[in-house]
C-alpha atoms as a PDB file:
ATOM      1  CA  MET A   1     137.608 181.543 108.041  1.00  0.00           C
ATOM      2  CA  LEU A   2     137.247 178.528 105.979  1.00  0.00           C
ATOM      3  CA  ILE A   3     137.631 174.553 107.097  1.00  0.00           C
ATOM      4  CA  GLY A   4     140.271 174.535 104.769  1.00  0.00           C
ATOM      5  CA  GLU A   5     141.762 177.235 106.169  1.00  0.00           C
ATOM      6  CA  VAL A   6     141.471 176.423 109.918  1.00  0.00           C
ATOM      7  CA  ALA A   7     142.763 173.112 108.951  1.00  0.00           C
ATOM      8  CA  ARG A   8     145.604 174.060 107.737  1.00  0.00           C
ATOM      9  CA  ARG A   9     145.891 176.250 110.484  1.00  0.00           C
ATOM     10  CA  THR A  10     145.320 174.559 113.761  1.00  0.00           C
ATOM     11  CA  GLY A  11     146.307 170.636 112.255  1.00  0.00           C
ATOM     12  CA  VAL A  12     143.349 169.463 113.284  1.00  0.00           C
ATOM     13  CA  SER A  13     141.783 167.510 109.803  1.00  0.00           C
ATOM     14  CA  ALA A  14     138.877 168.725 108.080  1.00  0.00           C
ATOM     15  CA  ARG A  15     136.829 165.430 108.695  1.00  0.00           C
ATOM     16  CA  MET A  16     137.458 165.797 112.361  1.00  0.00           C
ATOM     17  CA  LEU A  17     136.067 169.173 112.391  1.00  0.00           C
ATOM     18  CA  ARG A  18     133.017 168.553 110.975  1.00  0.00           C
ATOM     19  CA  HIS A  19     132.966 165.267 113.494  1.00  0.00           C
ATOM     20  CA  TYR A  20     133.444 168.490 116.000  1.00  0.00           C
ATOM     21  CA  ASP A  21     131.036 170.008 114.551  1.00  0.00           C
ATOM     22  CA  SER A  22     128.642 167.010 114.393  1.00  0.00           C
ATOM     23  CA  ILE A  23     128.595 166.467 118.003  1.00  0.00           C
ATOM     24  CA  GLY A  24     128.365 170.108 119.544  1.00  0.00           C
ATOM     25  CA  LEU A  25     131.817 170.227 120.219  1.00  0.00           C
ATOM     26  CA  VAL A  26     132.787 172.791 118.334  1.00  0.00           C
ATOM     27  CA  ARG A  27     130.454 174.480 116.181  1.00  0.00           C
ATOM     28  CA  PRO A  28     131.216 177.528 113.458  1.00  0.00           C
ATOM     29  CA  THR A  29     129.975 180.648 114.048  1.00  0.00           C
ATOM     30  CA  GLY A  30     128.559 181.210 111.440  1.00  0.00           C
ATOM     31  CA  ARG A  31     128.654 180.183 107.317  1.00  0.00           C
ATOM     32  CA  THR A  32     128.643 181.125 104.169  1.00  0.00           C
ATOM     33  CA  VAL A  33     126.539 182.583 101.585  1.00  0.00           C
ATOM     34  CA  GLY A  34     127.091 178.867  99.828  1.00  0.00           C
ATOM     35  CA  GLY A  35     126.683 176.987 102.997  1.00  0.00           C
ATOM     36  CA  TYR A  36     129.673 176.693 103.919  1.00  0.00           C
ATOM     37  CA  ARG A  37     131.550 176.697 108.196  1.00  0.00           C
ATOM     38  CA  GLU A  38     133.213 179.658 109.115  1.00  0.00           C
ATOM     39  CA  TYR A  39     134.977 180.231 111.852  1.00  0.00           C
ATOM     40  CA  THR A  40     136.278 182.553 114.030  1.00  0.00           C
ATOM     41  CA  SER A  41     138.770 183.477 115.892  1.00  0.00           C
ATOM     42  CA  ASP A  42     137.192 182.430 119.856  1.00  0.00           C
ATOM     43  CA  ASP A  43     135.660 179.170 117.693  1.00  0.00           C
ATOM     44  CA  ILE A  44     139.286 178.724 116.402  1.00  0.00           C
ATOM     45  CA  ARG A  45     141.071 179.508 120.618  1.00  0.00           C
ATOM     46  CA  ARG A  46     138.510 176.477 121.266  1.00  0.00           C
ATOM     47  CA  ILE A  47     140.461 174.093 118.596  1.00  0.00           C
ATOM     48  CA  PHE A  48     143.388 174.668 120.492  1.00  0.00           C
ATOM     49  CA  HIS A  49     142.048 174.047 124.259  1.00  0.00           C
ATOM     50  CA  VAL A  50     140.117 170.746 122.824  1.00  0.00           C
ATOM     51  CA  GLU A  51     143.407 169.589 120.897  1.00  0.00           C
ATOM     52  CA  GLY A  52     144.954 170.462 124.259  1.00  0.00           C
ATOM     53  CA  LEU A  53     142.753 168.663 126.603  1.00  0.00           C
ATOM     54  CA  ARG A  54     142.828 165.717 124.451  1.00  0.00           C
ATOM     55  CA  SER A  55     146.657 165.773 124.305  1.00  0.00           C
ATOM     56  CA  LEU A  56     146.186 164.426 128.448  1.00  0.00           C
ATOM     57  CA  SER A  57     143.857 161.685 126.620  1.00  0.00           C
ATOM     58  CA  LEU A  58     140.523 163.321 127.808  1.00  0.00           C
ATOM     59  CA  SER A  59     137.245 161.900 125.730  1.00  0.00           C
ATOM     60  CA  LEU A  60     135.548 164.191 124.105  1.00  0.00           C
ATOM     61  CA  ARG A  61     132.457 163.756 126.706  1.00  0.00           C
ATOM     62  CA  GLN A  62     135.060 165.127 129.217  1.00  0.00           C
ATOM     63  CA  ILE A  63     136.615 167.449 127.103  1.00  0.00           C
ATOM     64  CA  ALA A  64     132.629 169.225 126.227  1.00  0.00           C
ATOM     65  CA  GLN A  65     131.941 169.021 130.142  1.00  0.00           C
ATOM     66  CA  ALA A  66     135.283 170.651 131.138  1.00  0.00           C
ATOM     67  CA  LEU A  67     134.840 173.424 128.294  1.00  0.00           C
ATOM     68  CA  ASP A  68     131.278 174.571 129.046  1.00  0.00           C
ATOM     69  CA  ASP A  69     130.262 173.303 132.251  1.00  0.00           C
ATOM     70  CA  PRO A  70     130.870 176.140 134.467  1.00  0.00           C
ATOM     71  CA  GLY A  71     130.601 174.440 137.745  1.00  0.00           C
ATOM     72  CA  PHE A  72     133.419 171.784 136.158  1.00  0.00           C
ATOM     73  CA  THR A  73     136.278 172.088 138.937  1.00  0.00           C
ATOM     74  CA  PRO A  74     138.989 169.917 137.433  1.00  0.00           C
ATOM     75  CA  SER A  75     141.185 168.831 140.530  1.00  0.00           C
ATOM     76  CA  THR A  76     138.889 165.399 140.561  1.00  0.00           C
ATOM     77  CA  LEU A  77     139.650 164.162 136.710  1.00  0.00           C
ATOM     78  CA  VAL A  78     143.060 165.460 136.365  1.00  0.00           C
ATOM     79  CA  GLY A  79     143.551 162.836 139.771  1.00  0.00           C
ATOM     80  CA  ASP A  80     141.656 160.510 138.137  1.00  0.00           C
ATOM     81  CA  LEU A  81     144.095 160.991 134.742  1.00  0.00           C
ATOM     82  CA  ILE A  82     147.361 160.970 136.753  1.00  0.00           C
ATOM     83  CA  ARG A  83     146.411 157.489 138.563  1.00  0.00           C
ATOM     84  CA  ALA A  84     145.031 156.096 134.623  1.00  0.00           C
ATOM     85  CA  THR A  85     148.808 156.948 133.317  1.00  0.00           C
ATOM     86  CA  GLU A  86     150.765 155.918 135.930  1.00  0.00           C
ATOM     87  CA  GLU A  87     148.347 152.474 135.945  1.00  0.00           C
ATOM     88  CA  ARG A  88     148.998 152.516 131.967  1.00  0.00           C
ATOM     89  CA  LEU A  89     152.969 153.933 132.537  1.00  0.00           C
ATOM     90  CA  ASN A  90     153.124 150.427 135.149  1.00  0.00           C
ATOM     91  CA  ARG A  91     151.720 147.847 132.874  1.00  0.00           C
ATOM     92  CA  GLU A  92     154.210 149.489 130.265  1.00  0.00           C
ATOM     93  CA  GLN A  93     157.825 149.077 132.240  1.00  0.00           C
ATOM     94  CA  GLU A  94     155.521 145.610 133.297  1.00  0.00           C
ATOM     95  CA  LEU A  95     155.825 144.779 129.436  1.00  0.00           C
ATOM     96  CA  LEU A  96     159.276 146.614 129.385  1.00  0.00           C
ATOM     97  CA  ASP A  97     160.912 144.304 131.880  1.00  0.00           C
ATOM     98  CA  ARG A  98     159.796 141.339 130.151  1.00  0.00           C
ATOM     99  CA  LEU A  99     160.814 142.045 126.939  1.00  0.00           C
ATOM    100  CA  ARG A 100     164.187 142.548 128.596  1.00  0.00           C
ATOM    101  CA  ALA A 101     164.363 139.017 130.487  1.00  0.00           C
ATOM    102  CA  VAL A 102     163.211 137.216 127.612  1.00  0.00           C
ATOM    103  CA  ASP A 103     165.700 139.635 125.254  1.00  0.00           C
ATOM    104  CA  ALA A 104     168.334 138.614 128.019  1.00  0.00           C
ATOM    105  CA  THR A 105     167.995 134.412 127.545  1.00  0.00           C
ATOM    106  CA  GLU A 106     169.173 134.837 124.065  1.00  0.00           C
ATOM    107  CA  PRO A 107     166.179 132.637 123.111  1.00  0.00           C
ATOM    108  CA  ALA A 108     167.128 130.372 119.977  1.00  0.00           C
ATOM    109  CA  SER A 109     163.314 130.017 119.223  1.00  0.00           C
ATOM    110  CA  TRP A 110     160.172 130.778 119.879  1.00  0.00           C
ATOM    111  CA  GLN A 111     159.581 127.748 122.318  1.00  0.00           C
ATOM    112  CA  ASP A 112     162.129 129.386 124.460  1.00  0.00           C
ATOM    113  CA  VAL A 113     160.553 132.546 124.473  1.00  0.00           C
ATOM    114  CA  ALA A 114     157.534 130.680 125.660  1.00  0.00           C
ATOM    115  CA  ARG A 115     159.033 129.207 128.418  1.00  0.00           C
ATOM    116  CA  ILE A 116     160.420 133.049 129.567  1.00  0.00           C
ATOM    117  CA  VAL A 117     157.012 133.640 128.883  1.00  0.00           C
ATOM    118  CA  GLU A 118     154.789 130.873 131.144  1.00  0.00           C
ATOM    119  CA  LEU A 119     157.528 132.438 133.954  1.00  0.00           C
ATOM    120  CA  LEU A 120     157.478 135.501 133.915  1.00  0.00           C
ATOM    121  CA  ARG A 121     153.219 134.473 134.293  1.00  0.00           C
ATOM    122  CA  GLY A 122     153.543 132.121 136.688  1.00  0.00           C
ATOM    123  CA  LEU A 123     155.945 134.111 139.122  1.00  0.00           C
ATOM    124  CA  ARG A 124     153.901 136.777 138.854  1.00  0.00           C
ATOM    125  CA  SER A 125     150.553 134.901 140.082  1.00  0.00           C
ATOM    126  CA  GLN A 126     148.940 135.705 144.002  1.00  0.00           C
ATOM    127  CA  SER A 127     149.316 131.771 144.361  1.00  0.00           C
ATOM    128  CA  ALA A 128     152.291 131.001 146.437  1.00  0.00           C
ATOM    129  CA  GLY A 129     151.723 127.892 144.898  1.00  0.00           C
ATOM    130  CA  ARG A 130     152.096 128.471 141.373  1.00  0.00           C
ATOM    131  CA  ARG A 131     154.324 130.880 142.208  1.00  0.00           C
ATOM    132  CA  GLN A 132     156.942 127.262 143.176  1.00  0.00           C
ATOM    133  CA  GLN A 133     155.819 125.952 140.536  1.00  0.00           C
ATOM    134  CA  ALA A 134     156.744 127.729 137.580  1.00  0.00           C
ATOM    135  CA  VAL A 135     160.829 128.396 139.216  1.00  0.00           C
ATOM    136  CA  LEU A 136     160.462 124.779 139.662  1.00  0.00           C
ATOM    137  CA  ALA A 137     159.226 123.985 136.008  1.00  0.00           C
ATOM    138  CA  SER A 138     161.279 126.363 134.983  1.00  0.00           C
ATOM    139  CA  THR A 139     165.118 124.876 135.284  1.00  0.00           C
ATOM    140  CA  ASP A 140     164.474 121.455 133.789  1.00  0.00           C
ATOM    141  CA  HIS A 141     164.777 123.940 130.367  1.00  0.00           C
ATOM    142  CA  ALA A 142     165.867 126.628 129.088  1.00  0.00           C
ATOM    143  CA  SER A 143     168.280 128.322 130.833  1.00  0.00           C
ATOM    144  CA  VAL A 144     166.625 131.611 132.927  1.00  0.00           C
ATOM    145  CA  PRO A 145     168.102 135.217 133.645  1.00  0.00           C
ATOM    146  CA  ALA A 146     169.776 135.122 137.249  1.00  0.00           C
ATOM    147  CA  GLU A 147     168.936 138.160 137.332  1.00  0.00           C
ATOM    148  CA  LEU A 148     165.067 137.840 137.208  1.00  0.00           C
ATOM    149  CA  LEU A 149     165.278 135.148 139.842  1.00  0.00           C
ATOM    150  CA  ALA A 150     167.118 136.989 141.939  1.00  0.00           C
ATOM    151  CA  GLU A 151     164.685 140.329 141.885  1.00  0.00           C
ATOM    152  CA  ALA A 152     161.948 137.394 142.792  1.00  0.00           C
ATOM    153  CA  VAL A 153     164.117 136.808 145.297  1.00  0.00           C
ATOM    154  CA  LEU A 154     164.128 139.815 147.112  1.00  0.00           C
ATOM    155  CA  ALA A 155     160.398 140.827 146.185  1.00  0.00           C
ATOM    156  CA  GLU A 156     159.898 136.486 147.677  1.00  0.00           C
ATOM    157  CA  SER A 157     157.482 136.829 151.262  1.00  0.00           C
ATOM    158  CA  ASP A 158     156.556 133.118 151.238  1.00  0.00           C
ATOM    159  CA  PRO A 159     159.416 130.796 152.818  1.00  0.00           C
ATOM    160  CA  ASN A 160     158.963 128.026 150.322  1.00  0.00           C
ATOM    161  CA  VAL A 161     158.576 129.417 147.119  1.00  0.00           C
ATOM    162  CA  ALA A 162     162.419 131.930 148.283  1.00  0.00           C
ATOM    163  CA  GLY A 163     163.529 128.586 149.181  1.00  0.00           C
ATOM    164  CA  ALA A 164     162.877 127.313 145.526  1.00  0.00           C
ATOM    165  CA  LEU A 165     164.496 130.846 144.191  1.00  0.00           C
ATOM    166  CA  ARG A 166     167.474 130.618 145.838  1.00  0.00           C
ATOM    167  CA  TRP A 167     167.981 127.349 144.357  1.00  0.00           C
ATOM    168  CA  ALA A 168     167.574 127.296 141.234  1.00  0.00           C
ATOM    169  CA  LEU A 169     169.714 130.736 141.473  1.00  0.00           C
ATOM    170  CA  THR A 170     172.247 128.906 142.782  1.00  0.00           C
ATOM    171  CA  ARG A 171     172.039 126.683 139.804  1.00  0.00           C
ATOM    172  CA  THR A 172     173.149 129.680 137.199  1.00  0.00           C
ATOM    173  CA  GLY A 173     176.876 130.175 138.487  1.00  0.00           C
ATOM    174  CA  SER A 174     176.962 133.883 139.802  1.00  0.00           C
ATOM    175  CA  ASP A 175     175.384 136.140 137.027  1.00  0.00           C
ATOM    176  CA  GLY A 176     173.424 136.984 140.285  1.00  0.00           C
ATOM    177  CA  VAL A 177     175.327 138.270 143.130  1.00  0.00           C
ATOM    178  CA  ALA A 178     175.158 141.832 142.074  1.00  0.00           C
ATOM    179  CA  SER A 179     170.867 142.050 141.796  1.00  0.00           C
ATOM    180  CA  LEU A 180     171.215 140.475 144.959  1.00  0.00           C
ATOM    181  CA  GLY A 181     173.918 143.938 146.030  1.00  0.00           C
ATOM    182  CA  SER A 182     171.781 146.596 145.084  1.00  0.00           C
ATOM    183  CA  GLY A 183     168.946 144.418 147.908  1.00  0.00           C
ATOM    184  CA  MET A 184     170.959 144.393 150.364  1.00  0.00           C
ATOM    185  CA  ALA A 185     172.272 148.261 149.440  1.00  0.00           C
ATOM    186  CA  SER A 186     167.781 148.751 150.618  1.00  0.00           C
ATOM    187  CA  ASP A 187     166.159 150.496 153.259  1.00  0.00           C
ATOM    188  CA  ASP A 188     163.677 148.125 153.636  1.00  0.00           C
ATOM    189  CA  VAL A 189     164.537 145.122 155.805  1.00  0.00           C
ATOM    190  CA  ASP A 190     162.993 142.245 154.927  1.00  0.00           C
ATOM    191  CA  VAL A 191     164.682 142.844 151.053  1.00  0.00           C
ATOM    192  CA  ARG A 192     167.570 142.941 152.999  1.00  0.00           C
ATOM    193  CA  ARG A 193     166.925 139.783 154.692  1.00  0.00           C
ATOM    194  CA  ARG A 194     166.145 137.822 151.355  1.00  0.00           C
ATOM    195  CA  ALA A 195     169.030 139.153 149.756  1.00  0.00           C
ATOM    196  CA  VAL A 196     171.318 137.859 152.742  1.00  0.00           C
ATOM    197  CA  LEU A 197     169.932 134.689 152.804  1.00  0.00           C
ATOM    198  CA  ALA A 198     170.750 134.232 148.967  1.00  0.00           C
ATOM    199  CA  LEU A 199     173.914 135.286 149.173  1.00  0.00           C
ATOM    200  CA  ALA A 200     174.560 132.711 152.193  1.00  0.00           C
ATOM    201  CA  GLU A 201     174.439 129.851 149.336  1.00  0.00           C
ATOM    202  CA  LEU A 202     176.215 131.343 146.297  1.00  0.00           C
ATOM    203  CA  PRO A 203     179.660 130.525 147.583  1.00  0.00           C
ATOM    204  CA  ASP A 204     181.600 133.048 144.859  1.00  0.00           C
ATOM    205  CA  ASP A 205     183.826 135.588 146.317  1.00  0.00           C
ATOM    206  CA  GLU A 206     181.515 138.825 145.216  1.00  0.00           C
ATOM    207  CA  ALA A 207     178.687 137.263 147.618  1.00  0.00           C
ATOM    208  CA  THR A 208     181.433 136.388 150.400  1.00  0.00           C
ATOM    209  CA  THR A 209     182.513 140.270 150.160  1.00  0.00           C
ATOM    210  CA  LEU A 210     178.868 141.521 149.914  1.00  0.00           C
ATOM    211  CA  LEU A 211     178.059 139.366 153.164  1.00  0.00           C
ATOM    212  CA  THR A 212     181.272 140.846 154.894  1.00  0.00           C
ATOM    213  CA  ASP A 213     179.437 144.551 154.506  1.00  0.00           C
ATOM    214  CA  ALA A 214     176.265 143.087 156.011  1.00  0.00           C
ATOM    215  CA  LEU A 215     178.362 142.112 159.536  1.00  0.00           C
ATOM    216  CA  VAL A 216     178.184 145.613 160.579  1.00  0.00           C
ATOM    217  CA  ASP A 217     173.999 145.965 159.438  1.00  0.00           C
ATOM    218  CA  THR A 218     172.028 147.257 161.802  1.00  0.00           C
ATOM    219  CA  ASP A 219     169.374 143.923 161.681  1.00  0.00           C
ATOM    220  CA  PRO A 220     170.713 141.283 163.745  1.00  0.00           C
ATOM    221  CA  MET A 221     168.881 138.712 161.966  1.00  0.00           C
ATOM    222  CA  ILE A 222     170.806 139.851 158.689  1.00  0.00           C
ATOM    223  CA  ARG A 223     174.331 139.784 161.233  1.00  0.00           C
ATOM    224  CA  GLY A 224     173.360 136.747 162.187  1.00  0.00           C
ATOM    225  CA  HIS A 225     172.642 135.105 158.819  1.00  0.00           C
ATOM    226  CA  ALA A 226     175.749 136.802 157.064  1.00  0.00           C
ATOM    227  CA  ALA A 227     177.819 135.481 160.119  1.00  0.00           C
ATOM    228  CA  LEU A 228     177.245 132.181 159.793  1.00  0.00           C
ATOM    229  CA  ALA A 229     177.133 131.620 156.345  1.00  0.00           C
ATOM    230  CA  LEU A 230     180.504 133.775 156.252  1.00  0.00           C
ATOM    231  CA  GLY A 231     181.889 131.358 159.632  1.00  0.00           C
ATOM    232  CA  ALA A 232     181.083 127.863 157.074  1.00  0.00           C
ATOM    233  CA  ARG A 233     184.152 129.916 155.134  1.00  0.00           C
ATOM    234  CA  GLY A 234     186.246 130.344 157.234  1.00  0.00           C
ATOM    235  CA  VAL A 235     186.130 133.732 157.405  1.00  0.00           C
ATOM    236  CA  THR A 236     187.381 135.150 160.668  1.00  0.00           C
ATOM    237  CA  GLN A 237     185.804 138.418 160.294  1.00  0.00           C
ATOM    238  CA  ALA A 238     182.719 136.559 161.415  1.00  0.00           C
ATOM    239  CA  VAL A 239     183.849 135.882 165.051  1.00  0.00           C
ATOM    240  CA  PRO A 240     182.769 139.245 166.846  1.00  0.00           C
ATOM    241  CA  THR A 241     179.264 138.074 165.673  1.00  0.00           C
ATOM    242  CA  LEU A 242     179.231 134.758 166.282  1.00  0.00           C
ATOM    243  CA  VAL A 243     180.598 135.441 169.911  1.00  0.00           C
ATOM    244  CA  GLU A 244     177.340 137.936 170.272  1.00  0.00           C
ATOM    245  CA  MET A 245     175.155 135.103 168.975  1.00  0.00           C
ATOM    246  CA  VAL A 246     176.513 132.856 171.447  1.00  0.00           C
ATOM    247  CA  VAL A 247     175.774 135.599 174.182  1.00  0.00           C
ATOM    248  CA  GLU A 248     172.020 136.586 172.651  1.00  0.00           C
ATOM    249  CA  GLY A 249     171.325 132.849 171.966  1.00  0.00           C
ATOM    250  CA  SER A 250     170.611 134.501 168.230  1.00  0.00           C
ATOM    251  CA  ASN A 251     171.854 130.389 166.467  1.00  0.00           C
ATOM    252  CA  ASP A 252     173.965 130.017 169.202  1.00  0.00           C
ATOM    253  CA  VAL A 253     174.556 126.024 168.759  1.00  0.00           C
ATOM    254  CA  GLU A 254     176.357 127.158 165.090  1.00  0.00           C
ATOM    255  CA  ALA A 255     177.919 129.889 166.339  1.00  0.00           C
ATOM    256  CA  ALA A 256     179.797 128.014 168.378  1.00  0.00           C
ATOM    257  CA  GLU A 257     180.591 124.801 166.488  1.00  0.00           C
ATOM    258  CA  LEU A 258     181.552 127.655 163.664  1.00  0.00           C
ATOM    259  CA  LEU A 259     183.985 129.019 166.269  1.00  0.00           C
ATOM    260  CA  GLY A 260     184.949 125.704 167.446  1.00  0.00           C
ATOM    261  CA  THR A 261     186.146 124.728 163.726  1.00  0.00           C
ATOM    262  CA  LEU A 262     187.394 128.849 163.231  1.00  0.00           C
ATOM    263  CA  ALA A 263     189.269 127.942 166.751  1.00  0.00           C
ATOM    264  CA  GLN A 264     190.921 125.285 165.036  1.00  0.00           C
ATOM    265  CA  ASP A 265     193.856 127.909 163.441  1.00  0.00           C
ATOM    266  CA  PRO A 266     196.336 128.640 165.880  1.00  0.00           C
ATOM    267  CA  LYS A 267     196.312 132.332 164.021  1.00  0.00           C
ATOM    268  CA  TRP A 268     193.434 132.284 165.896  1.00  0.00           C
ATOM    269  CA  THR A 269     192.511 130.063 169.000  1.00  0.00           C
ATOM    270  CA  ASP A 270     193.744 132.439 171.365  1.00  0.00           C
ATOM    271  CA  GLN A 271     192.020 135.650 170.322  1.00  0.00           C
ATOM    272  CA  ILE A 272     188.288 133.383 169.898  1.00  0.00           C
ATOM    273  CA  MET A 273     188.885 131.634 174.272  1.00  0.00           C
ATOM    274  CA  SER A 274     189.807 136.090 174.891  1.00  0.00           C
ATOM    275  CA  ALA A 275     186.497 136.642 173.910  1.00  0.00           C
ATOM    276  CA  LEU A 276     184.380 134.106 175.369  1.00  0.00           C
ATOM    277  CA  GLN A 277     186.352 134.447 178.744  1.00  0.00           C
ATOM    278  CA  GLY A 278     185.663 138.539 178.111  1.00  0.00           C
ATOM    279  CA  LYS A 279     182.531 137.932 177.640  1.00  0.00           C
ATOM    280  CA  LEU A 280     181.680 135.325 180.791  1.00  0.00           C
ATOM    281  CA  ALA A 281     183.703 137.946 182.864  1.00  0.00           C
ATOM    282  CA  THR A 282     181.366 140.545 181.966  1.00  0.00           C
ATOM    283  CA  HIS A 283     178.242 138.565 182.244  1.00  0.00           C
ATOM    284  CA  THR A 284     177.630 138.023 185.654  1.00  0.00           C
ATOM    285  CA  GLU A 285     174.552 137.900 186.313  1.00  0.00           C
ATOM    286  CA  ASP A 286     172.598 136.108 183.544  1.00  0.00           C
ATOM    287  CA  SER A 287     173.571 132.424 184.094  1.00  0.00           C
ATOM    288  CA  ALA A 288     171.410 131.746 180.848  1.00  0.00           C
ATOM    289  CA  VAL A 289     173.905 133.486 179.100  1.00  0.00           C
ATOM    290  CA  ARG A 290     176.942 132.081 181.392  1.00  0.00           C
ATOM    291  CA  ILE A 291     175.958 127.875 180.290  1.00  0.00           C
ATOM    292  CA  ARG A 292     175.434 129.119 176.592  1.00  0.00           C
ATOM    293  CA  LEU A 293     179.236 130.477 176.825  1.00  0.00           C
ATOM    294  CA  VAL A 294     180.290 127.301 178.470  1.00  0.00           C
ATOM    295  CA  GLN A 295     178.701 125.108 175.716  1.00  0.00           C
ATOM    296  CA  ALA A 296     180.738 127.034 172.822  1.00  0.00           C
ATOM    297  CA  LEU A 297     184.626 126.383 175.499  1.00  0.00           C
ATOM    298  CA  ALA A 298     183.741 122.713 174.757  1.00  0.00           C
ATOM    299  CA  GLU A 299     183.152 123.516 171.043  1.00  0.00           C
ATOM    300  CA  MET A 300     187.146 124.238 170.966  1.00  0.00           C
ATOM    301  CA  PRO A 301     189.694 121.920 170.025  1.00  0.00           C
ATOM    302  CA  GLY A 302     191.253 119.166 171.496  1.00  0.00           C
ATOM    303  CA  THR A 303     192.306 120.786 175.817  1.00  0.00           C
ATOM    304  CA  VAL A 304     192.474 124.118 174.624  1.00  0.00           C
ATOM    305  CA  ALA A 305     189.177 124.564 177.243  1.00  0.00           C
ATOM    306  CA  LEU A 306     189.585 122.816 180.005  1.00  0.00           C
ATOM    307  CA  SER A 307     191.868 124.816 182.065  1.00  0.00           C
ATOM    308  CA  THR A 308     188.612 127.187 181.804  1.00  0.00           C
ATOM    309  CA  LEU A 309     186.045 124.553 182.070  1.00  0.00           C
ATOM    310  CA  ARG A 310     187.739 122.994 185.120  1.00  0.00           C
ATOM    311  CA  GLN A 311     187.536 127.183 186.989  1.00  0.00           C
ATOM    312  CA  LEU A 312     183.920 126.818 186.438  1.00  0.00           C
ATOM    313  CA  SER A 313     183.651 123.647 187.530  1.00  0.00           C
ATOM    314  CA  ASN A 314     183.667 125.672 191.335  1.00  0.00           C
ATOM    315  CA  ASP A 315     181.863 128.619 189.855  1.00  0.00           C
ATOM    316  CA  GLU A 316     179.508 130.223 192.461  1.00  0.00           C
ATOM    317  CA  ASP A 317     176.426 129.570 189.945  1.00  0.00           C
ATOM    318  CA  GLN A 318     175.194 126.663 190.143  1.00  0.00           C
ATOM    319  CA  PRO A 319     173.505 125.552 186.485  1.00  0.00           C
ATOM    320  CA  VAL A 320     176.882 127.024 185.235  1.00  0.00           C
ATOM    321  CA  ALA A 321     178.978 124.815 187.566  1.00  0.00           C
ATOM    322  CA  LEU A 322     177.201 121.142 187.093  1.00  0.00           C
ATOM    323  CA  THR A 323     177.133 122.191 183.511  1.00  0.00           C
ATOM    324  CA  ALA A 324     181.249 122.810 183.265  1.00  0.00           C
ATOM    325  CA  SER A 325     180.705 120.106 185.048  1.00  0.00           C
ATOM    326  CA  ALA A 326     179.859 118.141 182.917  1.00  0.00           C
ATOM    327  CA  LEU A 327     181.263 118.422 179.638  1.00  0.00           C
ATOM    328  CA  ARG A 328     184.617 119.191 181.024  1.00  0.00           C
ATOM    329  CA  HIS A 329     183.982 114.994 182.583  1.00  0.00           C
ATOM    330  CA  MET A 330     183.077 114.294 178.879  1.00  0.00           C
ATOM    331  CA  LEU A 331     186.426 116.240 177.617  1.00  0.00           C
ATOM    332  CA  GLU A 332     188.648 115.074 179.651  1.00  0.00           C
ATOM    333  CA  GLU A 333     187.008 111.102 179.182  1.00  0.00           C
ATOM    334  CA  ARG A 334     187.605 111.665 175.842  1.00  0.00           C
ATOM    335  CA  LEU A 335     191.736 112.666 175.485  1.00  0.00           C
ATOM    336  CA  ALA A 336     191.506 109.320 177.628  1.00  0.00           C
ATOM    337  CA  ALA A 337     190.389 107.308 175.350  1.00  0.00           C
ATOM    338  CA  PRO A 338     192.604 104.790 173.246  1.00  0.00           C
ATOM    339  CA  ALA A 339     193.040 106.367 169.725  1.00  0.00           C
ATOM    340  CA  PRO A 340     191.892 103.660 167.168  1.00  0.00           C
ATOM    341  CA  GLU A 341     194.017 101.328 166.378  1.00  0.00           C
ATOM    342  CA  PRO A 342     194.951 102.441 162.270  1.00  0.00           C
ATOM    343  CA  GLY A 343     192.198 100.440 159.851  1.00  0.00           C
ATOM    344  CA  THR A 344     189.768 100.541 162.691  1.00  0.00           C
ATOM    345  CA  ARG A 345     186.472 102.087 163.400  1.00  0.00           C
END
């Protein structure tokens, strides 16, 4: 079969077939009387083998080795091809993500495009200082996609950069909540921790819903951050977690203050008091826990905790009794002080 017919049947151009011949990759078995290349069925089969391996992105040198070296084993080469392809796909995915991020800003000029590209480059820097600088600089220019900032928050391990990203995210409104919500569903506890910290700084209803869901997270740090944020918003579902934080000594001062604030609502006063008193009755042997609970009682509004503090002033645990007594006296003195006259401080 002459070269023109081979080209038509294989889809390989005559020019490429001549190149294959010149480098010894596919040499026609014979020649016609007039000197034209003449290919046999075995030659054509080899051409198809070459084209098949080319489709795997092998070089012509690698193809020659694969077809002509009897000791060649494909496993190593295929593994290298897989890794190279994965790297190429990752680069392509990064480019696609970058293009989508630019498109999401609806840039009005190439200057806006350049700013977003510069931000993306900065966020991918190995230097934490460079990443932080990129975030802070971005807020002075064109709008930044909230989704981009949220994704960066979930991936950022440096606390200073993460703080800058959360600050920038709050300036975009609530647009990044959905991306943070996906972070709360992550199996990676560090990602969930970053997500809950960012949600705590977004005051909209959707963020509050996600924080409420986080109260049942398996990680105590996540539950604690969620409870503090919800308590500050007056969400009473946080009360059990806040009480546990007092018991465990995790941000117990802030938790106690929030319990005192929530207890100003008469509907919750008795429940919060009962929860604290119940923990006192349960932890009879742990002096440190009971002292924290006594201090939390002192945060209760008005005279709600006064009778309990008086009882605890005679507790068998001396440190608990001394703490309760001191707080009781402070509360009694505060109640006995004359109210300031109108217009005075």
